[in-house]
All heavy atoms as atom14 arrays in JSON, in Angstrom:
{
  "sequence": "AASFATLTDVIIAEPGARLGFAGPRVIEQTTRQRLPEGFQTAEFLLEN",
  "atom14_mask": [
    [1, 1, 1, 1, 1, 0, 0, 0, 0, 0, 0, 0, 0, 0],
    [1, 1, 1, 1, 1, 0, 0, 0, 0, 0, 0, 0, 0, 0],
    [1, 1, 1, 1, 1, 1, 0, 0, 0, 0, 0, 0, 0, 0],
    [1, 1, 1, 1, 1, 1, 1, 1, 1, 1, 1, 0, 0, 0],
    [1, 1, 1, 1, 1, 0, 0, 0, 0, 0, 0, 0, 0, 0],
    [1, 1, 1, 1, 1, 1, 1, 0, 0, 0, 0, 0, 0, 0],
    [1, 1, 1, 1, 1, 1, 1, 1, 0, 0, 0, 0, 0, 0],
    [1, 1, 1, 1, 1, 1, 1, 0, 0, 0, 0, 0, 0, 0],
    [1, 1, 1, 1, 1, 1, 1, 1, 0, 0, 0, 0, 0, 0],
    [1, 1, 1, 1, 1, 1, 1, 0, 0, 0, 0, 0, 0, 0],
    [1, 1, 1, 1, 1, 1, 1, 1, 0, 0, 0, 0, 0, 0],
    [1, 1, 1, 1, 1, 1, 1, 1, 0, 0, 0, 0, 0, 0],
    [1, 1, 1, 1, 1, 0, 0, 0, 0, 0, 0, 0, 0, 0],
    [1, 1, 1, 1, 1, 1, 1, 1, 1, 0, 0, 0, 0, 0],
    [1, 1, 1, 1, 1, 1, 1, 0, 0, 0, 0, 0, 0, 0],
    [1, 1, 1, 1, 0, 0, 0, 0, 0, 0, 0, 0, 0, 0],
    [1, 1, 1, 1, 1, 0, 0, 0, 0, 0, 0, 0, 0, 0],
    [1, 1, 1, 1, 1, 1, 1, 1, 1, 1, 1, 0, 0, 0],
    [1, 1, 1, 1, 1, 1, 1, 1, 0, 0, 0, 0, 0, 0],
    [1, 1, 1, 1, 0, 0, 0, 0, 0, 0, 0, 0, 0, 0],
    [1, 1, 1, 1, 1, 1, 1, 1, 1, 1, 1, 0, 0, 0],
    [1, 1, 1, 1, 1, 0, 0, 0, 0, 0, 0, 0, 0, 0],
    [1, 1, 1, 1, 0, 0, 0, 0, 0, 0, 0, 0, 0, 0],
    [1, 1, 1, 1, 1, 1, 1, 0, 0, 0, 0, 0, 0, 0],
    [1, 1, 1, 1, 1, 1, 1, 1, 1, 1, 1, 0, 0, 0],
    [1, 1, 1, 1, 1, 1, 1, 0, 0, 0, 0, 0, 0, 0],
    [1, 1, 1, 1, 1, 1, 1, 1, 0, 0, 0, 0, 0, 0],
    [1, 1, 1, 1, 1, 1, 1, 1, 1, 0, 0, 0, 0, 0],
    [1, 1, 1, 1, 1, 1, 1, 1, 1, 0, 0, 0, 0, 0],
    [1, 1, 1, 1, 1, 1, 1, 0, 0, 0, 0, 0, 0, 0],
    [1, 1, 1, 1, 1, 1, 1, 0, 0, 0, 0, 0, 0, 0],
    [1, 1, 1, 1, 1, 1, 1, 1, 1, 1, 1, 0, 0, 0],
    [1, 1, 1, 1, 1, 1, 1, 1, 1, 0, 0, 0, 0, 0],
    [1, 1, 1, 1, 1, 1, 1, 1, 1, 1, 1, 0, 0, 0],
    [1, 1, 1, 1, 1, 1, 1, 1, 0, 0, 0, 0, 0, 0],
    [1, 1, 1, 1, 1, 1, 1, 0, 0, 0, 0, 0, 0, 0],
    [1, 1, 1, 1, 1, 1, 1, 1, 1, 0, 0, 0, 0, 0],
    [1, 1, 1, 1, 0, 0, 0, 0, 0, 0, 0, 0, 0, 0],
    [1, 1, 1, 1, 1, 1, 1, 1, 1, 1, 1, 0, 0, 0],
    [1, 1, 1, 1, 1, 1, 1, 1, 1, 0, 0, 0, 0, 0],
    [1, 1, 1, 1, 1, 1, 1, 0, 0, 0, 0, 0, 0, 0],
    [1, 1, 1, 1, 1, 0, 0, 0, 0, 0, 0, 0, 0, 0],
    [1, 1, 1, 1, 1, 1, 1, 1, 1, 0, 0, 0, 0, 0],
    [1, 1, 1, 1, 1, 1, 1, 1, 1, 1, 1, 0, 0, 0],
    [1, 1, 1, 1, 1, 1, 1, 1, 0, 0, 0, 0, 0, 0],
    [1, 1, 1, 1, 1, 1, 1, 1, 0, 0, 0, 0, 0, 0],
    [1, 1, 1, 1, 1, 1, 1, 1, 1, 0, 0, 0, 0, 0],
    [1, 1, 1, 1, 1, 1, 1, 1, 0, 0, 0, 0, 0, 0]
  ],
  "atom14_positions": [
    [[39.69, 9.96, 0.71], [38.51, 10.8, 0.92], [38.85, 12.27, 0.78], [38.02, 13.07, 0.34], [37.92, 10.53, 2.31], [0.0, 0.0, 0.0], [0.0, 0.0, 0.0], [0.0, 0.0, 0.0], [0.0, 0.0, 0.0], [0.0, 0.0, 0.0], [0.0, 0.0, 0.0], [0.0, 0.0, 0.0], [0.0, 0.0, 0.0], [0.0, 0.0, 0.0]],
    [[40.07, 12.65, 1.16], [40.48, 14.05, 1.14], [41.03, 14.48, -0.22], [41.41, 15.63, -0.38], [41.54, 14.31, 2.21], [0.0, 0.0, 0.0], [0.0, 0.0, 0.0], [0.0, 0.0, 0.0], [0.0, 0.0, 0.0], [0.0, 0.0, 0.0], [0.0, 0.0, 0.0], [0.0, 0.0, 0.0], [0.0, 0.0, 0.0], [0.0, 0.0, 0.0]],
    [[41.06, 13.56, -1.19], [41.59, 13.95, -2.5], [40.62, 13.52, -3.6], [39.51, 14.05, -3.68], [42.99, 13.35, -2.71], [42.98, 11.93, -2.58], [0.0, 0.0, 0.0], [0.0, 0.0, 0.0], [0.0, 0.0, 0.0], [0.0, 0.0, 0.0], [0.0, 0.0, 0.0], [0.0, 0.0, 0.0], [0.0, 0.0, 0.0], [0.0, 0.0, 0.0]],
    [[40.99, 12.54, -4.41], [40.23, 12.29, -5.64], [38.81, 11.8, -5.41], [37.94, 12.0, -6.27], [40.99, 11.34, -6.56], [41.38, 10.02, -5.97], [40.51, 8.94, -5.98], [42.64, 9.82, -5.41], [40.86, 7.72, -5.46], [43.02, 8.6, -4.88], [42.12, 7.54, -4.91], [0.0, 0.0, 0.0], [0.0, 0.0, 0.0], [0.0, 0.0, 0.0]],
    [[38.52, 11.17, -4.29], [37.17, 10.66, -4.05], [36.13, 11.77, -3.99], [34.96, 11.55, -4.3], [37.12, 9.85, -2.76], [0.0, 0.0, 0.0], [0.0, 0.0, 0.0], [0.0, 0.0, 0.0], [0.0, 0.0, 0.0], [0.0, 0.0, 0.0], [0.0, 0.0, 0.0], [0.0, 0.0, 0.0], [0.0, 0.0, 0.0], [0.0, 0.0, 0.0]],
    [[36.54, 12.96, -3.58], [35.59, 14.06, -3.41], [35.87, 15.24, -4.33], [35.35, 16.34, -4.11], [35.61, 14.55, -1.94], [36.97, 14.81, -1.54], [35.03, 13.49, -1.02], [0.0, 0.0, 0.0], [0.0, 0.0, 0.0], [0.0, 0.0, 0.0], [0.0, 0.0, 0.0], [0.0, 0.0, 0.0], [0.0, 0.0, 0.0], [0.0, 0.0, 0.0]],
    [[36.68, 15.03, -5.37], [37.03, 16.12, -6.28], [36.37, 15.98, -7.65], [36.67, 16.75, -8.55], [38.55, 16.19, -6.46], [39.34, 16.68, -5.24], [40.84, 16.63, -5.54], [38.93, 18.09, -4.86], [0.0, 0.0, 0.0], [0.0, 0.0, 0.0], [0.0, 0.0, 0.0], [0.0, 0.0, 0.0], [0.0, 0.0, 0.0], [0.0, 0.0, 0.0]],
    [[35.48, 15.01, -7.81], [34.86, 14.78, -9.11], [33.64, 15.68, -9.32], [33.15, 16.32, -8.39], [34.44, 13.32, -9.24], [33.58, 12.99, -8.14], [35.65, 12.39, -9.22], [0.0, 0.0, 0.0], [0.0, 0.0, 0.0], [0.0, 0.0, 0.0], [0.0, 0.0, 0.0], [0.0, 0.0, 0.0], [0.0, 0.0, 0.0], [0.0, 0.0, 0.0]],
    [[33.15, 15.7, -10.56], [31.96, 16.51, -10.87], [30.73, 15.97, -10.15], [29.9, 16.74, -9.68], [31.71, 16.49, -12.39], [32.85, 17.11, -13.18], [33.33, 18.19, -12.76], [33.27, 16.53, -14.18], [0.0, 0.0, 0.0], [0.0, 0.0, 0.0], [0.0, 0.0, 0.0], [0.0, 0.0, 0.0], [0.0, 0.0, 0.0], [0.0, 0.0, 0.0]],
    [[30.6, 14.66, -10.1], [29.44, 14.02, -9.47], [29.95, 12.98, -8.46], [30.83, 12.19, -8.78], [28.53, 13.34, -10.51], [27.33, 12.7, -9.83], [28.08, 14.34, -11.57], [0.0, 0.0, 0.0], [0.0, 0.0, 0.0], [0.0, 0.0, 0.0], [0.0, 0.0, 0.0], [0.0, 0.0, 0.0], [0.0, 0.0, 0.0], [0.0, 0.0, 0.0]],
    [[29.38, 13.01, -7.26], [29.75, 12.04, -6.22], [28.53, 11.19, -5.9], [27.52, 11.69, -5.39], [30.26, 12.74, -4.95], [31.44, 13.66, -5.27], [30.66, 11.7, -3.91], [31.93, 14.47, -4.08], [0.0, 0.0, 0.0], [0.0, 0.0, 0.0], [0.0, 0.0, 0.0], [0.0, 0.0, 0.0], [0.0, 0.0, 0.0], [0.0, 0.0, 0.0]],
    [[28.63, 9.91, -6.23], [27.57, 8.94, -5.94], [28.06, 8.05, -4.8], [29.23, 7.72, -4.72], [27.28, 8.08, -7.19], [26.84, 8.97, -8.36], [26.22, 7.02, -6.89], [26.69, 8.21, -9.67], [0.0, 0.0, 0.0], [0.0, 0.0, 0.0], [0.0, 0.0, 0.0], [0.0, 0.0, 0.0], [0.0, 0.0, 0.0], [0.0, 0.0, 0.0]],
    [[27.15, 7.68, -3.93], [27.5, 6.79, -2.82], [26.54, 5.61, -2.78], [25.36, 5.75, -3.12], [27.47, 7.53, -1.49], [0.0, 0.0, 0.0], [0.0, 0.0, 0.0], [0.0, 0.0, 0.0], [0.0, 0.0, 0.0], [0.0, 0.0, 0.0], [0.0, 0.0, 0.0], [0.0, 0.0, 0.0], [0.0, 0.0, 0.0], [0.0, 0.0, 0.0]],
    [[27.07, 4.45, -2.37], [26.2, 3.32, -2.12], [25.54, 3.51, -0.75], [26.1, 4.17, 0.14], [26.99, 2.01, -2.13], [27.41, 1.56, -3.51], [27.97, 0.15, -3.52], [28.54, -0.28, -2.49], [27.82, -0.53, -4.54], [0.0, 0.0, 0.0], [0.0, 0.0, 0.0], [0.0, 0.0, 0.0], [0.0, 0.0, 0.0], [0.0, 0.0, 0.0]],
    [[24.36, 2.93, -0.55], [23.7, 3.05, 0.77], [24.6, 2.56, 1.9], [25.23, 1.51, 1.81], [22.47, 2.15, 0.61], [22.18, 2.15, -0.85], [23.53, 2.19, -1.52], [0.0, 0.0, 0.0], [0.0, 0.0, 0.0], [0.0, 0.0, 0.0], [0.0, 0.0, 0.0], [0.0, 0.0, 0.0], [0.0, 0.0, 0.0], [0.0, 0.0, 0.0]],
    [[24.69, 3.38, 2.95], [25.46, 3.0, 4.12], [26.95, 3.18, 4.01], [27.68, 2.95, 4.99], [0.0, 0.0, 0.0], [0.0, 0.0, 0.0], [0.0, 0.0, 0.0], [0.0, 0.0, 0.0], [0.0, 0.0, 0.0], [0.0, 0.0, 0.0], [0.0, 0.0, 0.0], [0.0, 0.0, 0.0], [0.0, 0.0, 0.0], [0.0, 0.0, 0.0]],
    [[27.45, 3.59, 2.85], [28.89, 3.77, 2.68], [29.41, 4.87, 3.62], [28.76, 5.9, 3.78], [29.22, 4.12, 1.24], [0.0, 0.0, 0.0], [0.0, 0.0, 0.0], [0.0, 0.0, 0.0], [0.0, 0.0, 0.0], [0.0, 0.0, 0.0], [0.0, 0.0, 0.0], [0.0, 0.0, 0.0], [0.0, 0.0, 0.0], [0.0, 0.0, 0.0]],
    [[30.57, 4.63, 4.21], [31.18, 5.61, 5.12], [32.28, 6.36, 4.4], [33.11, 5.77, 3.71], [31.73, 4.91, 6.35], [30.68, 4.3, 7.27], [31.29, 3.37, 8.28], [31.87, 2.19, 7.64], [32.61, 1.29, 8.26], [32.9, 1.44, 9.54], [33.09, 0.25, 7.61], [0.0, 0.0, 0.0], [0.0, 0.0, 0.0], [0.0, 0.0, 0.0]],
    [[32.26, 7.68, 4.56], [33.24, 8.55, 3.91], [33.69, 9.6, 4.91], [32.87, 10.27, 5.55], [32.6, 9.24, 2.69], [33.4, 10.37, 2.03], [34.62, 9.8, 1.28], [32.52, 11.15, 1.06], [0.0, 0.0, 0.0], [0.0, 0.0, 0.0], [0.0, 0.0, 0.0], [0.0, 0.0, 0.0], [0.0, 0.0, 0.0], [0.0, 0.0, 0.0]],
    [[35.01, 9.73, 5.09], [35.52, 10.75, 6.0], [37.04, 10.73, 6.04], [37.68, 9.86, 5.45], [0.0, 0.0, 0.0], [0.0, 0.0, 0.0], [0.0, 0.0, 0.0], [0.0, 0.0, 0.0], [0.0, 0.0, 0.0], [0.0, 0.0, 0.0], [0.0, 0.0, 0.0], [0.0, 0.0, 0.0], [0.0, 0.0, 0.0], [0.0, 0.0, 0.0]],
    [[37.61, 11.7, 6.71], [39.07, 11.76, 6.82], [39.54, 10.87, 7.97], [40.2, 9.87, 7.77], [39.54, 13.2, 7.0], [41.04, 13.32, 6.95], [41.73, 13.06, 5.78], [41.76, 13.65, 8.09], [43.12, 13.15, 5.73], [43.15, 13.75, 8.05], [43.83, 13.49, 6.87], [0.0, 0.0, 0.0], [0.0, 0.0, 0.0], [0.0, 0.0, 0.0]],
    [[39.16, 11.22, 9.19], [39.47, 10.38, 10.35], [38.22, 9.62, 10.76], [37.1, 10.05, 10.49], [39.98, 11.23, 11.5], [0.0, 0.0, 0.0], [0.0, 0.0, 0.0], [0.0, 0.0, 0.0], [0.0, 0.0, 0.0], [0.0, 0.0, 0.0], [0.0, 0.0, 0.0], [0.0, 0.0, 0.0], [0.0, 0.0, 0.0], [0.0, 0.0, 0.0]],
    [[38.4, 8.49, 11.42], [37.26, 7.7, 11.87], [36.52, 8.36, 13.02], [37.08, 9.21, 13.74], [0.0, 0.0, 0.0], [0.0, 0.0, 0.0], [0.0, 0.0, 0.0], [0.0, 0.0, 0.0], [0.0, 0.0, 0.0], [0.0, 0.0, 0.0], [0.0, 0.0, 0.0], [0.0, 0.0, 0.0], [0.0, 0.0, 0.0], [0.0, 0.0, 0.0]],
    [[35.25, 8.0, 13.22], [34.45, 8.63, 14.28], [35.06, 8.5, 15.67], [35.02, 9.44, 16.46], [33.12, 7.87, 14.2], [33.06, 7.34, 12.81], [34.47, 7.04, 12.42], [0.0, 0.0, 0.0], [0.0, 0.0, 0.0], [0.0, 0.0, 0.0], [0.0, 0.0, 0.0], [0.0, 0.0, 0.0], [0.0, 0.0, 0.0], [0.0, 0.0, 0.0]],
    [[35.65, 7.35, 15.97], [36.23, 7.16, 17.3], [37.4, 8.13, 17.53], [37.53, 8.73, 18.61], [36.71, 5.72, 17.47], [37.21, 5.41, 18.87], [37.67, 3.97, 18.98], [36.59, 3.04, 18.63], [36.76, 1.73, 18.54], [37.94, 1.2, 18.76], [35.73, 0.96, 18.23], [0.0, 0.0, 0.0], [0.0, 0.0, 0.0], [0.0, 0.0, 0.0]],
    [[38.23, 8.31, 16.51], [39.36, 9.24, 16.63], [38.85, 10.66, 16.83], [39.37, 11.43, 17.66], [40.26, 9.16, 15.38], [41.35, 10.23, 15.42], [40.88, 7.78, 15.27], [0.0, 0.0, 0.0], [0.0, 0.0, 0.0], [0.0, 0.0, 0.0], [0.0, 0.0, 0.0], [0.0, 0.0, 0.0], [0.0, 0.0, 0.0], [0.0, 0.0, 0.0]],
    [[37.81, 11.03, 16.08], [37.26, 12.38, 16.19], [36.67, 12.62, 17.58], [36.89, 13.67, 18.2], [36.2, 12.62, 15.1], [36.85, 12.55, 13.71], [35.52, 13.97, 15.29], [35.86, 12.62, 12.57], [0.0, 0.0, 0.0], [0.0, 0.0, 0.0], [0.0, 0.0, 0.0], [0.0, 0.0, 0.0], [0.0, 0.0, 0.0], [0.0, 0.0, 0.0]],
    [[35.94, 11.65, 18.09], [35.35, 11.8, 19.42], [36.41, 11.9, 20.5], [36.29, 12.71, 21.43], [34.41, 10.63, 19.71], [33.11, 10.68, 18.94], [32.14, 9.6, 19.37], [32.59, 8.58, 19.95], [30.93, 9.78, 19.14], [0.0, 0.0, 0.0], [0.0, 0.0, 0.0], [0.0, 0.0, 0.0], [0.0, 0.0, 0.0], [0.0, 0.0, 0.0]],
    [[37.48, 11.1, 20.38], [38.54, 11.16, 21.38], [39.3, 12.49, 21.31], [39.77, 12.99, 22.34], [39.51, 10.0, 21.16], [38.92, 8.64, 21.51], [39.86, 7.5, 21.18], [40.86, 7.67, 20.48], [39.54, 6.31, 21.67], [0.0, 0.0, 0.0], [0.0, 0.0, 0.0], [0.0, 0.0, 0.0], [0.0, 0.0, 0.0], [0.0, 0.0, 0.0]],
    [[39.39, 13.06, 20.11], [40.12, 14.33, 19.95], [39.29, 15.51, 20.41], [39.77, 16.41, 21.12], [40.53, 14.52, 18.48], [41.33, 13.41, 18.05], [41.31, 15.81, 18.3], [0.0, 0.0, 0.0], [0.0, 0.0, 0.0], [0.0, 0.0, 0.0], [0.0, 0.0, 0.0], [0.0, 0.0, 0.0], [0.0, 0.0, 0.0], [0.0, 0.0, 0.0]],
    [[38.01, 15.55, 19.99], [37.15, 16.7, 20.31], [36.45, 16.56, 21.65], [35.92, 17.54, 22.16], [36.08, 16.88, 19.22], [35.23, 15.71, 19.18], [36.73, 17.07, 17.85], [0.0, 0.0, 0.0], [0.0, 0.0, 0.0], [0.0, 0.0, 0.0], [0.0, 0.0, 0.0], [0.0, 0.0, 0.0], [0.0, 0.0, 0.0], [0.0, 0.0, 0.0]],
    [[36.43, 15.31, 22.19], [35.72, 15.03, 23.44], [34.24, 15.41, 23.34], [33.63, 15.91, 24.29], [36.39, 15.75, 24.63], [37.84, 15.36, 24.84], [38.44, 16.03, 26.07], [39.85, 15.74, 26.19], [40.35, 14.61, 26.71], [39.52, 13.67, 27.16], [41.66, 14.43, 26.78], [0.0, 0.0, 0.0], [0.0, 0.0, 0.0], [0.0, 0.0, 0.0]],
    [[33.68, 15.18, 22.14], [32.27, 15.44, 21.91], [31.63, 14.23, 21.26], [32.28, 13.5, 20.5], [32.09, 16.67, 21.01], [32.56, 17.97, 21.63], [32.33, 19.15, 20.7], [31.77, 19.0, 19.62], [32.76, 20.33, 21.14], [0.0, 0.0, 0.0], [0.0, 0.0, 0.0], [0.0, 0.0, 0.0], [0.0, 0.0, 0.0], [0.0, 0.0, 0.0]],
    [[30.34, 14.03, 21.54], [29.59, 12.94, 20.94], [29.17, 13.34, 19.53], [28.64, 14.44, 19.33], [28.35, 12.63, 21.79], [27.59, 11.4, 21.34], [28.35, 10.15, 21.65], [27.58, 8.96, 21.29], [28.07, 7.74, 21.32], [29.33, 7.55, 21.72], [27.33, 6.7, 20.99], [0.0, 0.0, 0.0], [0.0, 0.0, 0.0], [0.0, 0.0, 0.0]],
    [[29.43, 12.47, 18.57], [29.09, 12.77, 17.18], [27.62, 12.45, 16.91], [27.02, 11.61, 17.58], [29.98, 11.96, 16.23], [31.47, 12.3, 16.28], [32.27, 11.34, 15.41], [31.71, 13.73, 15.83], [0.0, 0.0, 0.0], [0.0, 0.0, 0.0], [0.0, 0.0, 0.0], [0.0, 0.0, 0.0], [0.0, 0.0, 0.0], [0.0, 0.0, 0.0]],
    [[27.03, 13.1, 15.9], [25.62, 12.83, 15.55], [25.45, 11.38, 15.11], [26.37, 10.73, 14.62], [25.35, 13.8, 14.39], [26.41, 14.84, 14.48], [27.62, 14.17, 15.07], [0.0, 0.0, 0.0], [0.0, 0.0, 0.0], [0.0, 0.0, 0.0], [0.0, 0.0, 0.0], [0.0, 0.0, 0.0], [0.0, 0.0, 0.0], [0.0, 0.0, 0.0]],
    [[24.25, 10.87, 15.26], [23.92, 9.51, 14.84], [24.11, 9.38, 13.31], [23.67, 10.24, 12.54], [22.46, 9.19, 15.21], [22.07, 7.75, 14.98], [22.77, 6.79, 15.95], [23.14, 7.24, 17.05], [22.94, 5.62, 15.58], [0.0, 0.0, 0.0], [0.0, 0.0, 0.0], [0.0, 0.0, 0.0], [0.0, 0.0, 0.0], [0.0, 0.0, 0.0]],
    [[24.76, 8.31, 12.9], [24.97, 8.09, 11.47], [26.05, 8.95, 10.86], [26.16, 9.03, 9.63], [0.0, 0.0, 0.0], [0.0, 0.0, 0.0], [0.0, 0.0, 0.0], [0.0, 0.0, 0.0], [0.0, 0.0, 0.0], [0.0, 0.0, 0.0], [0.0, 0.0, 0.0], [0.0, 0.0, 0.0], [0.0, 0.0, 0.0], [0.0, 0.0, 0.0]],
    [[26.86, 9.59, 11.69], [27.93, 10.47, 11.2], [28.82, 9.73, 10.2], [29.2, 8.59, 10.4], [28.77, 10.95, 12.39], [29.88, 11.89, 12.04], [29.62, 13.18, 11.66], [31.2, 11.46, 12.1], [30.65, 14.06, 11.35], [32.24, 12.32, 11.78], [31.96, 13.62, 11.41], [0.0, 0.0, 0.0], [0.0, 0.0, 0.0], [0.0, 0.0, 0.0]],
    [[29.11, 10.39, 9.07], [29.97, 9.88, 7.99], [29.33, 8.79, 7.13], [29.97, 8.27, 6.22], [31.33, 9.39, 8.53], [32.2, 10.5, 9.09], [33.56, 10.01, 9.53], [33.73, 8.84, 9.86], [34.55, 10.9, 9.55], [0.0, 0.0, 0.0], [0.0, 0.0, 0.0], [0.0, 0.0, 0.0], [0.0, 0.0, 0.0], [0.0, 0.0, 0.0]],
    [[28.08, 8.46, 7.36], [27.41, 7.53, 6.46], [26.9, 8.28, 5.24], [26.74, 9.52, 5.26], [26.22, 6.84, 7.15], [25.24, 7.83, 7.51], [26.66, 6.08, 8.38], [0.0, 0.0, 0.0], [0.0, 0.0, 0.0], [0.0, 0.0, 0.0], [0.0, 0.0, 0.0], [0.0, 0.0, 0.0], [0.0, 0.0, 0.0], [0.0, 0.0, 0.0]],
    [[26.63, 7.55, 4.17], [26.17, 8.18, 2.93], [24.9, 9.01, 3.16], [24.76, 10.11, 2.61], [25.92, 7.11, 1.88], [0.0, 0.0, 0.0], [0.0, 0.0, 0.0], [0.0, 0.0, 0.0], [0.0, 0.0, 0.0], [0.0, 0.0, 0.0], [0.0, 0.0, 0.0], [0.0, 0.0, 0.0], [0.0, 0.0, 0.0], [0.0, 0.0, 0.0]],
    [[24.01, 8.49, 3.98], [22.74, 9.18, 4.23], [22.98, 10.51, 4.96], [22.37, 11.54, 4.61], [21.81, 8.28, 5.04], [21.32, 7.05, 4.3], [22.37, 5.97, 4.11], [23.41, 5.99, 4.82], [22.16, 5.08, 3.25], [0.0, 0.0, 0.0], [0.0, 0.0, 0.0], [0.0, 0.0, 0.0], [0.0, 0.0, 0.0], [0.0, 0.0, 0.0]],
    [[23.85, 10.5, 5.95], [24.19, 11.73, 6.68], [24.88, 12.72, 5.73], [24.58, 13.93, 5.76], [25.11, 11.38, 7.85], [25.53, 12.56, 8.68], [24.77, 12.95, 9.78], [26.68, 13.28, 8.38], [25.17, 14.04, 10.56], [27.08, 14.37, 9.15], [26.32, 14.75, 10.24], [0.0, 0.0, 0.0], [0.0, 0.0, 0.0], [0.0, 0.0, 0.0]],
    [[25.78, 12.24, 4.9], [26.52, 13.11, 3.99], [25.62, 13.7, 2.91], [25.8, 14.85, 2.51], [27.67, 12.33, 3.36], [28.75, 11.84, 4.33], [29.71, 10.9, 3.63], [29.49, 13.01, 4.96], [0.0, 0.0, 0.0], [0.0, 0.0, 0.0], [0.0, 0.0, 0.0], [0.0, 0.0, 0.0], [0.0, 0.0, 0.0], [0.0, 0.0, 0.0]],
    [[24.65, 12.92, 2.45], [23.7, 13.45, 1.46], [22.87, 14.57, 2.06], [22.66, 15.62, 1.45], [22.8, 12.33, 0.95], [21.7, 12.74, -0.04], [22.32, 13.25, -1.33], [20.75, 11.58, -0.32], [0.0, 0.0, 0.0], [0.0, 0.0, 0.0], [0.0, 0.0, 0.0], [0.0, 0.0, 0.0], [0.0, 0.0, 0.0], [0.0, 0.0, 0.0]],
    [[22.42, 14.35, 3.28], [21.61, 15.36, 3.96], [22.39, 16.66, 4.17], [21.81, 17.75, 4.17], [21.14, 14.82, 5.31], [20.2, 15.73, 6.06], [19.74, 15.12, 7.38], [19.92, 13.91, 7.57], [19.19, 15.88, 8.21], [0.0, 0.0, 0.0], [0.0, 0.0, 0.0], [0.0, 0.0, 0.0], [0.0, 0.0, 0.0], [0.0, 0.0, 0.0]],
    [[23.72, 16.54, 4.31], [24.55, 17.72, 4.57], [25.32, 18.19, 3.34], [26.25, 18.98, 3.46], [25.52, 17.42, 5.72], [24.81, 17.35, 7.06], [24.6, 18.37, 7.72], [24.41, 16.15, 7.47], [0.0, 0.0, 0.0], [0.0, 0.0, 0.0], [0.0, 0.0, 0.0], [0.0, 0.0, 0.0], [0.0, 0.0, 0.0], [0.0, 0.0, 0.0]]
  ]
}
């Protein structure tokens, strides 16, 4: 995710596909914060 998957000219995702560096559970345990609903899903990533 941190290299060739996100370095192309066009990035297409399948519905519901998850993309990220660390998993949501790891991020929540590290930051001690609740992540947004649908975090790292294709729909969330498209919106952002």
